[in-house]
Amino acid sequence: MQVFESRPDRNRFLIAAVGVLVGFGVLYMLVRQYLPFLTDGDELRAFVDGYGVLAPLVFVVLHAAQVVVAPIPGQLTGFVSGYLFGGFLGTVYSMVGVTIGSAIAFLLSRRYGRPFVESVVRTDVVDRFDAFVDDAGLLSLFVLFLIPGFPDDVLCFVGGLTDIDIRKLIAITVVGRAPGYILVNVSGASLANGDRRLTIVLLFLLTGVSAWAYVRRDRIMDALGERQ
């Protein structure tokens, strides 16, 4: 089954992936030049710690919102949470937030049906994934969530239209998304700790895997389909 049929779709993703990587670099240089306080990980974390429980709560809400309503890449919020809270706590806050957001998306889709999904996701995008998600097994959905760069927020909405148990959907969402969020949070934490080399390596790794997996997605989907 060809989920990603057109070359323009692939090209747009590759351009976006490179753009995200370049964007991280440009943003860091601008902040370092004009807001040097923000590039000192120790000082910034001390500043954030001054807000107590409010700071992680804000990031949990932000992560949840980026799944449901906000056009903010989860990788960006994950990178920032890693920078502010460290690799471990940043990952915890990220996963709590995206789990809450994913559960909300699943429940809203199941409660209000396809008309609601088409009100928040373009109809052509829904059509592209609807048939696959409806027929795919849990293993196939898990692989899709595991692939970095895949529009997994769309899967949350479309997945809610299936008869799959909500608890199972949430479980594969958490497990599938965890590796990518660990990687991006560690990237942010390494930058805060002054290890720019590790940050660059991890971001290149994330971008490279995303690009490779995206180009080969149709083959992956065909292979998974044969196992159903």
N, C-alpha and C. Protein backbone atom coordinates (compact mmCIF):
# COMPACT_ATOMS: atom_id res chain seq x y z
N MET A 1 0.85 -1.20 0.00
CA MET A 1 0.00 0.00 0.00
C MET A 1 0.88 1.24 0.00
N GLN A 2 0.64 2.10 -0.94
CA GLN A 2 1.45 3.31 -1.05
C GLN A 2 0.82 4.45 -0.26
N VAL A 3 1.33 4.68 0.95
CA VAL A 3 0.80 5.75 1.78
C VAL A 3 1.35 7.09 1.34
N PHE A 4 2.63 7.12 0.98
CA PHE A 4 3.28 8.35 0.52
C PHE A 4 3.58 8.18 -0.96
N GLU A 5 2.70 8.66 -1.80
CA GLU A 5 2.79 8.34 -3.21
C GLU A 5 3.65 9.30 -4.01
N SER A 6 3.63 10.56 -3.68
CA SER A 6 4.24 11.54 -4.56
C SER A 6 5.66 11.93 -4.14
N ARG A 7 6.49 12.15 -5.14
CA ARG A 7 7.84 12.64 -4.89
C ARG A 7 7.83 14.02 -4.23
N PRO A 8 6.90 14.94 -4.62
CA PRO A 8 6.86 16.24 -3.94
C PRO A 8 6.67 16.11 -2.43
N ASP A 9 5.85 15.11 -1.99
CA ASP A 9 5.68 14.91 -0.55
C ASP A 9 7.00 14.59 0.11
N ARG A 10 7.77 13.71 -0.51
CA ARG A 10 9.06 13.34 0.05
C ARG A 10 10.02 14.52 0.05
N ASN A 11 10.02 15.26 -1.05
CA ASN A 11 10.92 16.41 -1.14
C ASN A 11 10.59 17.45 -0.08
N ARG A 12 9.28 17.67 0.15
CA ARG A 12 8.89 18.65 1.16
C ARG A 12 9.38 18.22 2.53
N PHE A 13 9.30 16.94 2.82
CA PHE A 13 9.77 16.48 4.13
C PHE A 13 11.27 16.64 4.28
N LEU A 14 12.01 16.27 3.24
CA LEU A 14 13.47 16.39 3.31
C LEU A 14 13.89 17.84 3.51
N ILE A 15 13.22 18.73 2.78
CA ILE A 15 13.52 20.16 2.94
C ILE A 15 13.19 20.60 4.36
N ALA A 16 12.04 20.14 4.88
CA ALA A 16 11.65 20.51 6.24
C ALA A 16 12.63 19.98 7.27
N ALA A 17 13.11 18.75 7.07
CA ALA A 17 14.06 18.15 8.02
C ALA A 17 15.36 18.95 8.06
N VAL A 18 15.87 19.29 6.89
CA VAL A 18 17.09 20.10 6.83
C VAL A 18 16.83 21.48 7.43
N GLY A 19 15.63 22.02 7.15
CA GLY A 19 15.28 23.33 7.68
C GLY A 19 15.26 23.35 9.20
N VAL A 20 14.73 22.27 9.80
CA VAL A 20 14.69 22.18 11.26
C VAL A 20 16.10 22.16 11.82
N LEU A 21 16.97 21.39 11.21
CA LEU A 21 18.36 21.30 11.67
C LEU A 21 19.06 22.65 11.57
N VAL A 22 18.91 23.30 10.42
CA VAL A 22 19.51 24.62 10.23
C VAL A 22 18.89 25.62 11.20
N GLY A 23 17.58 25.49 11.41
CA GLY A 23 16.89 26.40 12.31
C GLY A 23 17.43 26.33 13.73
N PHE A 24 17.70 25.11 14.20
CA PHE A 24 18.30 24.96 15.53
C PHE A 24 19.62 25.73 15.61
N GLY A 25 20.44 25.59 14.58
CA GLY A 25 21.74 26.26 14.58
C GLY A 25 21.62 27.77 14.55
N VAL A 26 20.75 28.27 13.68
CA VAL A 26 20.56 29.72 13.56
C VAL A 26 19.99 30.29 14.86
N LEU A 27 18.99 29.59 15.42
CA LEU A 27 18.39 30.06 16.67
C LEU A 27 19.42 30.13 17.78
N TYR A 28 20.27 29.12 17.86
CA TYR A 28 21.28 29.11 18.91
C TYR A 28 22.26 30.27 18.74
N MET A 29 22.68 30.53 17.51
CA MET A 29 23.63 31.62 17.27
C MET A 29 23.01 32.97 17.59
N LEU A 30 21.73 33.16 17.23
CA LEU A 30 21.06 34.42 17.52
C LEU A 30 20.91 34.63 19.02
N VAL A 31 20.50 33.58 19.71
CA VAL A 31 20.33 33.68 21.16
C VAL A 31 21.67 33.94 21.83
N ARG A 32 22.70 33.25 21.37
CA ARG A 32 24.03 33.43 21.96
C ARG A 32 24.53 34.85 21.75
N GLN A 33 24.17 35.45 20.63
CA GLN A 33 24.63 36.80 20.32
C GLN A 33 23.85 37.86 21.09
N TYR A 34 22.51 37.71 21.12
CA TYR A 34 21.67 38.78 21.65
C TYR A 34 21.08 38.48 23.03
N LEU A 35 21.01 37.21 23.41
CA LEU A 35 20.49 36.84 24.73
C LEU A 35 21.43 35.81 25.37
N PRO A 36 22.65 36.23 25.67
CA PRO A 36 23.66 35.27 26.17
C PRO A 36 23.23 34.56 27.45
N PHE A 37 22.37 35.19 28.23
CA PHE A 37 21.88 34.56 29.46
C PHE A 37 21.22 33.21 29.17
N LEU A 38 20.55 33.13 28.03
CA LEU A 38 19.83 31.91 27.70
C LEU A 38 20.74 30.76 27.28
N THR A 39 21.98 31.06 26.95
CA THR A 39 22.90 30.00 26.53
C THR A 39 23.74 29.46 27.68
N ASP A 40 23.57 30.02 28.85
CA ASP A 40 24.26 29.50 30.04
C ASP A 40 23.31 28.53 30.73
N GLY A 41 23.53 27.23 30.52
CA GLY A 41 22.61 26.23 31.03
C GLY A 41 22.42 26.29 32.52
N ASP A 42 23.49 26.47 33.28
CA ASP A 42 23.39 26.49 34.74
C ASP A 42 22.57 27.67 35.22
N GLU A 43 22.84 28.85 34.67
CA GLU A 43 22.10 30.04 35.09
C GLU A 43 20.63 29.93 34.70
N LEU A 44 20.38 29.46 33.49
CA LEU A 44 19.00 29.38 33.03
C LEU A 44 18.21 28.35 33.83
N ARG A 45 18.83 27.22 34.14
CA ARG A 45 18.13 26.22 34.93
C ARG A 45 17.84 26.73 36.33
N ALA A 46 18.79 27.50 36.90
CA ALA A 46 18.56 28.08 38.23
C ALA A 46 17.39 29.05 38.17
N PHE A 47 17.31 29.81 37.07
CA PHE A 47 16.21 30.75 36.88
C PHE A 47 14.88 30.00 36.80
N VAL A 48 14.85 28.93 36.01
CA VAL A 48 13.63 28.14 35.85
C VAL A 48 13.24 27.46 37.16
N ASP A 49 14.23 26.96 37.90
CA ASP A 49 13.95 26.31 39.18
C ASP A 49 13.26 27.25 40.15
N GLY A 50 13.49 28.54 39.97
CA GLY A 50 12.87 29.52 40.85
C GLY A 50 11.35 29.54 40.75
N TYR A 51 10.82 28.99 39.68
CA TYR A 51 9.36 28.95 39.50
C TYR A 51 8.75 27.67 40.07
N GLY A 52 9.60 26.81 40.65
CA GLY A 52 9.09 25.61 41.30
C GLY A 52 8.36 24.69 40.34
N VAL A 53 7.24 24.14 40.82
CA VAL A 53 6.48 23.15 40.04
C VAL A 53 5.82 23.77 38.82
N LEU A 54 5.69 25.10 38.81
CA LEU A 54 5.02 25.77 37.69
C LEU A 54 5.76 25.55 36.38
N ALA A 55 7.10 25.57 36.41
CA ALA A 55 7.88 25.45 35.18
C ALA A 55 7.65 24.11 34.48
N PRO A 56 7.83 22.96 35.15
CA PRO A 56 7.55 21.70 34.46
C PRO A 56 6.09 21.55 34.07
N LEU A 57 5.19 22.11 34.88
CA LEU A 57 3.76 22.03 34.55
C LEU A 57 3.47 22.74 33.24
N VAL A 58 4.10 23.90 33.04
CA VAL A 58 3.92 24.64 31.80
C VAL A 58 4.39 23.81 30.61
N PHE A 59 5.52 23.14 30.75
CA PHE A 59 6.03 22.36 29.63
C PHE A 59 5.20 21.11 29.37
N VAL A 60 4.64 20.51 30.41
CA VAL A 60 3.74 19.37 30.21
C VAL A 60 2.51 19.81 29.42
N VAL A 61 1.95 20.95 29.81
CA VAL A 61 0.78 21.48 29.09
C VAL A 61 1.15 21.83 27.65
N LEU A 62 2.33 22.41 27.45
CA LEU A 62 2.77 22.78 26.11
C LEU A 62 2.93 21.55 25.23
N HIS A 63 3.51 20.50 25.78
CA HIS A 63 3.67 19.25 25.02
C HIS A 63 2.30 18.67 24.66
N ALA A 64 1.38 18.70 25.59
CA ALA A 64 0.04 18.18 25.31
C ALA A 64 -0.66 19.01 24.24
N ALA A 65 -0.51 20.33 24.35
CA ALA A 65 -1.17 21.22 23.40
C ALA A 65 -0.62 21.07 21.99
N GLN A 66 0.69 20.80 21.86
CA GLN A 66 1.26 20.69 20.51
C GLN A 66 0.73 19.46 19.79
N VAL A 67 0.24 18.47 20.53
CA VAL A 67 -0.37 17.31 19.88
C VAL A 67 -1.77 17.65 19.38
N VAL A 68 -2.53 18.39 20.19
CA VAL A 68 -3.95 18.59 19.92
C VAL A 68 -4.24 19.82 19.07
N VAL A 69 -3.63 20.95 19.42
CA VAL A 69 -4.04 22.19 18.76
C VAL A 69 -2.92 23.02 18.17
N ALA A 70 -1.73 22.93 18.70
CA ALA A 70 -0.69 23.89 18.31
C ALA A 70 0.22 23.33 17.23
N PRO A 71 0.52 24.14 16.21
CA PRO A 71 1.44 23.71 15.14
C PRO A 71 2.90 23.85 15.55
N ILE A 72 3.25 23.26 16.70
CA ILE A 72 4.62 23.34 17.21
C ILE A 72 5.23 21.95 17.14
N PRO A 73 6.34 21.76 16.44
CA PRO A 73 6.95 20.43 16.36
C PRO A 73 7.31 19.90 17.74
N GLY A 74 6.94 18.65 18.01
CA GLY A 74 7.26 18.05 19.29
C GLY A 74 8.75 17.98 19.54
N GLN A 75 9.54 17.85 18.45
CA GLN A 75 10.99 17.80 18.60
C GLN A 75 11.53 19.11 19.17
N LEU A 76 10.91 20.22 18.80
CA LEU A 76 11.36 21.52 19.29
C LEU A 76 11.08 21.67 20.78
N THR A 77 9.85 21.34 21.19
CA THR A 77 9.53 21.44 22.61
C THR A 77 10.35 20.44 23.42
N GLY A 78 10.63 19.27 22.84
CA GLY A 78 11.47 18.30 23.52
C GLY A 78 12.89 18.80 23.70
N PHE A 79 13.42 19.45 22.68
CA PHE A 79 14.78 20.00 22.75
C PHE A 79 14.86 21.06 23.86
N VAL A 80 13.85 21.92 23.91
CA VAL A 80 13.84 22.99 24.92
C VAL A 80 13.70 22.40 26.32
N SER A 81 12.84 21.40 26.49
CA SER A 81 12.68 20.81 27.82
C SER A 81 13.96 20.11 28.27
N GLY A 82 14.67 19.49 27.32
CA GLY A 82 15.96 18.89 27.67
C GLY A 82 16.97 19.94 28.08
N TYR A 83 16.95 21.07 27.39
CA TYR A 83 17.87 22.17 27.69
C TYR A 83 17.61 22.72 29.09
N LEU A 84 16.32 22.84 29.44
CA LEU A 84 15.96 23.46 30.71
C LEU A 84 16.01 22.51 31.90
N PHE A 85 15.60 21.26 31.67
CA PHE A 85 15.42 20.35 32.81
C PHE A 85 16.40 19.18 32.82
N GLY A 86 17.22 19.07 31.78
CA GLY A 86 18.14 17.94 31.71
C GLY A 86 17.54 16.79 30.91
N GLY A 87 18.38 15.85 30.52
CA GLY A 87 17.93 14.76 29.66
C GLY A 87 16.86 13.89 30.28
N PHE A 88 17.02 13.53 31.56
CA PHE A 88 16.06 12.62 32.19
C PHE A 88 14.72 13.30 32.47
N LEU A 89 14.76 14.39 33.26
CA LEU A 89 13.50 15.06 33.60
C LEU A 89 12.84 15.65 32.36
N GLY A 90 13.64 16.16 31.43
CA GLY A 90 13.07 16.70 30.20
C GLY A 90 12.29 15.64 29.44
N THR A 91 12.86 14.44 29.37
CA THR A 91 12.16 13.34 28.69
C THR A 91 10.89 12.96 29.43
N VAL A 92 10.96 12.92 30.76
CA VAL A 92 9.77 12.59 31.56
C VAL A 92 8.65 13.59 31.30
N TYR A 93 8.98 14.89 31.36
CA TYR A 93 7.96 15.91 31.13
C TYR A 93 7.42 15.83 29.70
N SER A 94 8.30 15.58 28.75
CA SER A 94 7.87 15.46 27.36
C SER A 94 6.88 14.31 27.19
N MET A 95 7.24 13.15 27.74
CA MET A 95 6.40 11.97 27.57
C MET A 95 5.07 12.09 28.30
N VAL A 96 5.09 12.71 29.48
CA VAL A 96 3.82 12.93 30.18
C VAL A 96 2.92 13.83 29.35
N GLY A 97 3.50 14.90 28.80
CA GLY A 97 2.71 15.83 28.00
C GLY A 97 2.15 15.21 26.74
N VAL A 98 3.00 14.52 25.97
CA VAL A 98 2.51 13.94 24.71
C VAL A 98 1.55 12.79 24.96
N THR A 99 1.70 12.10 26.09
CA THR A 99 0.74 11.04 26.43
C THR A 99 -0.63 11.64 26.71
N ILE A 100 -0.66 12.71 27.48
CA ILE A 100 -1.92 13.39 27.76
C ILE A 100 -2.54 13.92 26.46
N GLY A 101 -1.71 14.58 25.64
CA GLY A 101 -2.21 15.13 24.39
C GLY A 101 -2.73 14.05 23.45
N SER A 102 -2.01 12.94 23.36
CA SER A 102 -2.43 11.84 22.49
C SER A 102 -3.74 11.24 22.97
N ALA A 103 -3.87 11.07 24.29
CA ALA A 103 -5.11 10.52 24.84
C ALA A 103 -6.29 11.43 24.54
N ILE A 104 -6.07 12.73 24.66
CA ILE A 104 -7.14 13.69 24.34
C ILE A 104 -7.54 13.59 22.88
N ALA A 105 -6.53 13.50 21.99
CA ALA A 105 -6.82 13.39 20.55
C ALA A 105 -7.59 12.11 20.25
N PHE A 106 -7.17 11.00 20.83
CA PHE A 106 -7.88 9.73 20.63
C PHE A 106 -9.33 9.84 21.08
N LEU A 107 -9.53 10.38 22.28
CA LEU A 107 -10.87 10.45 22.86
C LEU A 107 -11.78 11.40 22.09
N LEU A 108 -11.24 12.54 21.68
CA LEU A 108 -12.04 13.49 20.90
C LEU A 108 -12.48 12.87 19.58
N SER A 109 -11.55 12.18 18.92
CA SER A 109 -11.88 11.55 17.65
C SER A 109 -12.95 10.47 17.83
N ARG A 110 -12.80 9.70 18.87
CA ARG A 110 -13.77 8.62 19.11
C ARG A 110 -15.13 9.18 19.50
N ARG A 111 -15.13 10.27 20.21
CA ARG A 111 -16.41 10.86 20.67
C ARG A 111 -17.14 11.57 19.54
N TYR A 112 -16.41 12.34 18.72
CA TYR A 112 -17.07 13.18 17.73
C TYR A 112 -16.93 12.69 16.29
N GLY A 113 -16.10 11.67 16.06
CA GLY A 113 -16.06 11.02 14.76
C GLY A 113 -15.28 11.76 13.69
N ARG A 114 -15.44 11.26 12.47
CA ARG A 114 -14.68 11.77 11.34
C ARG A 114 -14.90 13.26 11.05
N PRO A 115 -16.14 13.78 11.17
CA PRO A 115 -16.32 15.22 10.92
C PRO A 115 -15.41 16.08 11.79
N PHE A 116 -15.25 15.67 13.06
CA PHE A 116 -14.35 16.43 13.94
C PHE A 116 -12.91 16.32 13.46
N VAL A 117 -12.48 15.10 13.11
CA VAL A 117 -11.10 14.91 12.66
C VAL A 117 -10.82 15.76 11.43
N GLU A 118 -11.77 15.81 10.50
CA GLU A 118 -11.57 16.59 9.28
C GLU A 118 -11.61 18.09 9.55
N SER A 119 -12.09 18.48 10.73
CA SER A 119 -12.08 19.91 11.08
C SER A 119 -10.73 20.36 11.62
N VAL A 120 -9.91 19.40 12.05
CA VAL A 120 -8.59 19.76 12.60
C VAL A 120 -7.44 19.25 11.74
N VAL A 121 -7.73 18.30 10.85
CA VAL A 121 -6.71 17.76 9.94
C VAL A 121 -7.26 17.85 8.53
N ARG A 122 -6.42 18.26 7.58
CA ARG A 122 -6.87 18.38 6.19
C ARG A 122 -7.47 17.07 5.70
N THR A 123 -8.55 17.18 4.94
CA THR A 123 -9.26 15.99 4.47
C THR A 123 -8.36 15.06 3.67
N ASP A 124 -7.51 15.63 2.82
CA ASP A 124 -6.65 14.78 2.00
C ASP A 124 -5.64 14.01 2.86
N VAL A 125 -5.22 14.62 3.97
CA VAL A 125 -4.30 13.94 4.88
C VAL A 125 -5.03 12.81 5.61
N VAL A 126 -6.25 13.09 6.04
CA VAL A 126 -7.05 12.05 6.70
C VAL A 126 -7.27 10.88 5.76
N ASP A 127 -7.63 11.18 4.52
CA ASP A 127 -7.86 10.11 3.54
C ASP A 127 -6.61 9.28 3.32
N ARG A 128 -5.46 9.94 3.35
CA ARG A 128 -4.20 9.24 3.08
C ARG A 128 -3.92 8.17 4.13
N PHE A 129 -4.23 8.47 5.39
CA PHE A 129 -3.89 7.55 6.46
C PHE A 129 -5.06 6.69 6.94
N ASP A 130 -6.28 7.10 6.60
CA ASP A 130 -7.46 6.45 7.16
C ASP A 130 -7.50 4.96 6.87
N ALA A 131 -7.35 4.61 5.60
CA ALA A 131 -7.46 3.20 5.20
C ALA A 131 -6.35 2.36 5.84
N PHE A 132 -5.15 2.92 5.86
CA PHE A 132 -4.04 2.16 6.44
C PHE A 132 -4.24 1.93 7.93
N VAL A 133 -4.58 2.99 8.65
CA VAL A 133 -4.75 2.88 10.10
C VAL A 133 -5.89 1.93 10.43
N ASP A 134 -6.94 1.96 9.63
CA ASP A 134 -8.10 1.11 9.89
C ASP A 134 -7.75 -0.36 9.73
N ASP A 135 -6.89 -0.68 8.76
CA ASP A 135 -6.54 -2.07 8.47
C ASP A 135 -5.29 -2.56 9.20
N ALA A 136 -4.46 -1.64 9.65
CA ALA A 136 -3.16 -2.02 10.22
C ALA A 136 -3.31 -2.64 11.59
N GLY A 137 -2.39 -3.52 11.92
CA GLY A 137 -2.34 -4.08 13.26
C GLY A 137 -1.57 -3.16 14.19
N LEU A 138 -1.52 -3.52 15.46
CA LEU A 138 -0.83 -2.70 16.44
C LEU A 138 0.66 -2.58 16.14
N LEU A 139 1.26 -3.65 15.60
CA LEU A 139 2.68 -3.59 15.27
C LEU A 139 2.94 -2.53 14.22
N SER A 140 2.08 -2.46 13.21
CA SER A 140 2.25 -1.47 12.15
C SER A 140 2.14 -0.06 12.71
N LEU A 141 1.15 0.17 13.56
CA LEU A 141 1.00 1.50 14.16
C LEU A 141 2.19 1.84 15.04
N PHE A 142 2.69 0.85 15.77
CA PHE A 142 3.86 1.08 16.62
C PHE A 142 5.05 1.54 15.78
N VAL A 143 5.27 0.88 14.65
CA VAL A 143 6.40 1.25 13.78
C VAL A 143 6.23 2.67 13.27
N LEU A 144 5.02 3.06 12.93
CA LEU A 144 4.79 4.42 12.45
C LEU A 144 5.11 5.45 13.53
N PHE A 145 4.71 5.17 14.77
CA PHE A 145 5.04 6.09 15.86
C PHE A 145 6.54 6.09 16.14
N LEU A 146 7.20 4.98 15.87
CA LEU A 146 8.63 4.87 16.14
C LEU A 146 9.47 5.67 15.15
N ILE A 147 8.97 5.82 13.91
CA ILE A 147 9.73 6.51 12.87
C ILE A 147 9.79 8.00 13.16
N PRO A 148 10.99 8.57 13.34
CA PRO A 148 11.10 10.02 13.58
C PRO A 148 10.61 10.81 12.36
N GLY A 149 9.94 11.91 12.63
CA GLY A 149 9.49 12.77 11.54
C GLY A 149 8.15 12.39 10.97
N PHE A 150 7.61 11.24 11.35
CA PHE A 150 6.30 10.85 10.85
C PHE A 150 5.24 11.73 11.50
N PRO A 151 4.19 12.11 10.76
CA PRO A 151 3.13 12.96 11.34
C PRO A 151 2.28 12.17 12.33
N ASP A 152 2.88 11.81 13.47
CA ASP A 152 2.19 10.94 14.41
C ASP A 152 1.03 11.62 15.11
N ASP A 153 1.01 12.96 15.15
CA ASP A 153 -0.14 13.64 15.71
C ASP A 153 -1.39 13.35 14.89
N VAL A 154 -1.21 13.26 13.56
CA VAL A 154 -2.32 12.90 12.68
C VAL A 154 -2.80 11.48 13.01
N LEU A 155 -1.84 10.58 13.28
CA LEU A 155 -2.21 9.21 13.63
C LEU A 155 -3.05 9.15 14.89
N CYS A 156 -2.80 10.07 15.82
CA CYS A 156 -3.59 10.09 17.05
C CYS A 156 -5.05 10.37 16.74
N PHE A 157 -5.29 11.33 15.85
CA PHE A 157 -6.66 11.66 15.49
C PHE A 157 -7.30 10.54 14.66
N VAL A 158 -6.57 10.06 13.66
CA VAL A 158 -7.12 9.01 12.80
C VAL A 158 -7.25 7.70 13.57
N GLY A 159 -6.29 7.41 14.45
CA GLY A 159 -6.36 6.19 15.24
C GLY A 159 -7.60 6.14 16.12
N GLY A 160 -8.06 7.31 16.55
CA GLY A 160 -9.27 7.36 17.36
C GLY A 160 -10.51 6.94 16.62
N LEU A 161 -10.45 6.90 15.30
CA LEU A 161 -11.60 6.49 14.49
C LEU A 161 -11.71 4.97 14.38
N THR A 162 -10.69 4.25 14.82
CA THR A 162 -10.69 2.79 14.73
C THR A 162 -11.37 2.19 15.96
N ASP A 163 -11.49 0.86 15.95
CA ASP A 163 -12.07 0.15 17.09
C ASP A 163 -11.01 -0.34 18.08
N ILE A 164 -9.76 0.04 17.85
CA ILE A 164 -8.68 -0.39 18.74
C ILE A 164 -8.88 0.23 20.13
N ASP A 165 -8.66 -0.57 21.16
CA ASP A 165 -8.83 -0.10 22.53
C ASP A 165 -7.94 1.11 22.79
N ILE A 166 -8.51 2.13 23.43
CA ILE A 166 -7.78 3.37 23.70
C ILE A 166 -6.51 3.10 24.50
N ARG A 167 -6.58 2.19 25.45
CA ARG A 167 -5.40 1.91 26.28
C ARG A 167 -4.26 1.34 25.44
N LYS A 168 -4.59 0.52 24.46
CA LYS A 168 -3.56 -0.03 23.58
C LYS A 168 -2.98 1.06 22.69
N LEU A 169 -3.84 1.96 22.20
CA LEU A 169 -3.36 3.06 21.37
C LEU A 169 -2.40 3.94 22.16
N ILE A 170 -2.75 4.25 23.40
CA ILE A 170 -1.89 5.09 24.24
C ILE A 170 -0.57 4.37 24.51
N ALA A 171 -0.63 3.07 24.76
CA ALA A 171 0.59 2.31 25.06
C ALA A 171 1.57 2.33 23.89
N ILE A 172 1.08 2.09 22.66
CA ILE A 172 2.00 2.09 21.53
C ILE A 172 2.48 3.50 21.21
N THR A 173 1.66 4.50 21.55
CA THR A 173 2.09 5.89 21.36
C THR A 173 3.27 6.21 22.27
N VAL A 174 3.16 5.83 23.54
CA VAL A 174 4.22 6.12 24.51
C VAL A 174 5.50 5.39 24.15
N VAL A 175 5.40 4.09 23.92
CA VAL A 175 6.59 3.29 23.64
C VAL A 175 7.22 3.69 22.30
N GLY A 176 6.37 3.95 21.30
CA GLY A 176 6.89 4.30 19.98
C GLY A 176 7.56 5.66 19.94
N ARG A 177 7.02 6.61 20.69
CA ARG A 177 7.58 7.96 20.66
C ARG A 177 8.79 8.14 21.57
N ALA A 178 8.93 7.27 22.56
CA ALA A 178 9.97 7.45 23.58
C ALA A 178 11.38 7.59 23.02
N PRO A 179 11.84 6.73 22.09
CA PRO A 179 13.23 6.86 21.62
C PRO A 179 13.53 8.22 21.01
N GLY A 180 12.62 8.74 20.20
CA GLY A 180 12.85 10.04 19.59
C GLY A 180 12.91 11.16 20.61
N TYR A 181 12.03 11.10 21.61
CA TYR A 181 12.03 12.14 22.64
C TYR A 181 13.25 12.04 23.55
N ILE A 182 13.70 10.83 23.80
CA ILE A 182 14.94 10.68 24.58
C ILE A 182 16.10 11.33 23.83
N LEU A 183 16.18 11.06 22.54
CA LEU A 183 17.28 11.59 21.73
C LEU A 183 17.27 13.11 21.70
N VAL A 184 16.09 13.70 21.47
CA VAL A 184 16.04 15.15 21.32
C VAL A 184 16.22 15.85 22.67
N ASN A 185 15.76 15.24 23.76
CA ASN A 185 15.97 15.83 25.09
C ASN A 185 17.44 15.76 25.49
N VAL A 186 18.09 14.66 25.19
CA VAL A 186 19.53 14.56 25.48
C VAL A 186 20.30 15.57 24.64
N SER A 187 19.83 15.83 23.42
CA SER A 187 20.47 16.86 22.59
C SER A 187 20.39 18.22 23.26
N GLY A 188 19.20 18.57 23.75
CA GLY A 188 19.05 19.84 24.44
C GLY A 188 19.87 19.92 25.70
N ALA A 189 19.91 18.83 26.46
CA ALA A 189 20.68 18.81 27.70
C ALA A 189 22.18 18.95 27.43
N SER A 190 22.65 18.31 26.37
CA SER A 190 24.08 18.40 26.05
C SER A 190 24.47 19.81 25.65
N LEU A 191 23.57 20.51 24.96
CA LEU A 191 23.85 21.90 24.60
C LEU A 191 23.92 22.76 25.85
N ALA A 192 23.00 22.55 26.79
CA ALA A 192 23.01 23.31 28.04
C ALA A 192 24.28 23.05 28.84
N ASN A 193 24.81 21.85 28.71
CA ASN A 193 26.03 21.49 29.44
C ASN A 193 27.30 21.88 28.70
N GLY A 194 27.15 22.54 27.57
CA GLY A 194 28.30 23.02 26.82
C GLY A 194 28.91 22.03 25.85
N ASP A 195 28.26 20.88 25.68
CA ASP A 195 28.79 19.86 24.76
C ASP A 195 28.12 20.02 23.40
N ARG A 196 28.55 21.04 22.66
CA ARG A 196 27.92 21.33 21.37
C ARG A 196 28.20 20.22 20.35
N ARG A 197 29.34 19.57 20.48
CA ARG A 197 29.67 18.51 19.53
C ARG A 197 28.64 17.37 19.62
N LEU A 198 28.32 16.96 20.85
CA LEU A 198 27.34 15.90 21.03
C LEU A 198 25.97 16.34 20.52
N THR A 199 25.63 17.60 20.77
CA THR A 199 24.36 18.12 20.28
C THR A 199 24.27 18.01 18.77
N ILE A 200 25.32 18.44 18.09
CA ILE A 200 25.33 18.40 16.62
C ILE A 200 25.23 16.97 16.12
N VAL A 201 25.98 16.07 16.75
CA VAL A 201 25.95 14.66 16.33
C VAL A 201 24.55 14.08 16.49
N LEU A 202 23.92 14.34 17.64
CA LEU A 202 22.59 13.79 17.89
C LEU A 202 21.55 14.37 16.95
N LEU A 203 21.63 15.68 16.68
CA LEU A 203 20.66 16.29 15.78
C LEU A 203 20.85 15.80 14.35
N PHE A 204 22.10 15.62 13.93
CA PHE A 204 22.34 15.05 12.60
C PHE A 204 21.83 13.62 12.53
N LEU A 205 22.02 12.87 13.61
CA LEU A 205 21.53 11.50 13.65
C LEU A 205 20.02 11.46 13.53
N LEU A 206 19.35 12.32 14.31
CA LEU A 206 17.89 12.37 14.27
C LEU A 206 17.39 12.76 12.89
N THR A 207 18.03 13.79 12.30
CA THR A 207 17.61 14.23 10.98
C THR A 207 17.88 13.16 9.93
N GLY A 208 19.04 12.52 10.03
CA GLY A 208 19.39 11.49 9.06
C GLY A 208 18.46 10.30 9.10
N VAL A 209 18.15 9.83 10.32
CA VAL A 209 17.22 8.70 10.46
C VAL A 209 15.84 9.08 9.95
N SER A 210 15.41 10.31 10.27
CA SER A 210 14.10 10.78 9.81
C SER A 210 14.03 10.78 8.29
N ALA A 211 15.07 11.33 7.66
CA ALA A 211 15.08 11.41 6.20
C ALA A 211 15.12 10.02 5.57
N TRP A 212 15.99 9.14 6.11
CA TRP A 212 16.10 7.79 5.56
C TRP A 212 14.78 7.03 5.69
N ALA A 213 14.18 7.10 6.88
CA ALA A 213 12.93 6.38 7.12
C ALA A 213 11.80 6.92 6.26
N TYR A 214 11.79 8.25 6.07
CA TYR A 214 10.72 8.84 5.27
C TYR A 214 10.81 8.39 3.82
N VAL A 215 12.01 8.37 3.27
CA VAL A 215 12.19 7.96 1.88
C VAL A 215 11.75 6.51 1.68
N ARG A 216 11.96 5.67 2.68
CA ARG A 216 11.66 4.24 2.56
C ARG A 216 10.34 3.84 3.20
N ARG A 217 9.52 4.82 3.52
CA ARG A 217 8.29 4.51 4.23
C ARG A 217 7.36 3.59 3.46
N ASP A 218 7.21 3.83 2.17
CA ASP A 218 6.31 2.99 1.39
C ASP A 218 6.76 1.53 1.44
N ARG A 219 8.08 1.30 1.35
CA ARG A 219 8.58 -0.07 1.44
C ARG A 219 8.31 -0.66 2.82
N ILE A 220 8.47 0.18 3.84
CA ILE A 220 8.21 -0.28 5.20
C ILE A 220 6.74 -0.65 5.35
N MET A 221 5.86 0.21 4.82
CA MET A 221 4.43 -0.06 4.91
C MET A 221 4.04 -1.32 4.15
N ASP A 222 4.63 -1.51 2.97
CA ASP A 222 4.34 -2.72 2.19
C ASP A 222 4.79 -3.96 2.96
N ALA A 223 5.98 -3.88 3.56
CA ALA A 223 6.50 -5.02 4.31
C ALA A 223 5.61 -5.34 5.52
N LEU A 224 5.16 -4.29 6.20
CA LEU A 224 4.27 -4.49 7.34
C LEU A 224 2.93 -5.05 6.91
N GLY A 225 2.45 -4.56 5.75
CA GLY A 225 1.16 -5.03 5.25
C GLY A 225 1.17 -6.51 4.94
N GLU A 226 2.32 -7.01 4.48
CA GLU A 226 2.42 -8.43 4.15
C GLU A 226 2.40 -9.31 5.39
N ARG A 227 2.66 -8.70 6.55
CA ARG A 227 2.69 -9.47 7.79
C ARG A 227 1.32 -9.55 8.45
N GLN A 228 0.37 -8.72 7.95
CA GLN A 228 -0.95 -8.69 8.60
C GLN A 228 -1.74 -9.96 8.29
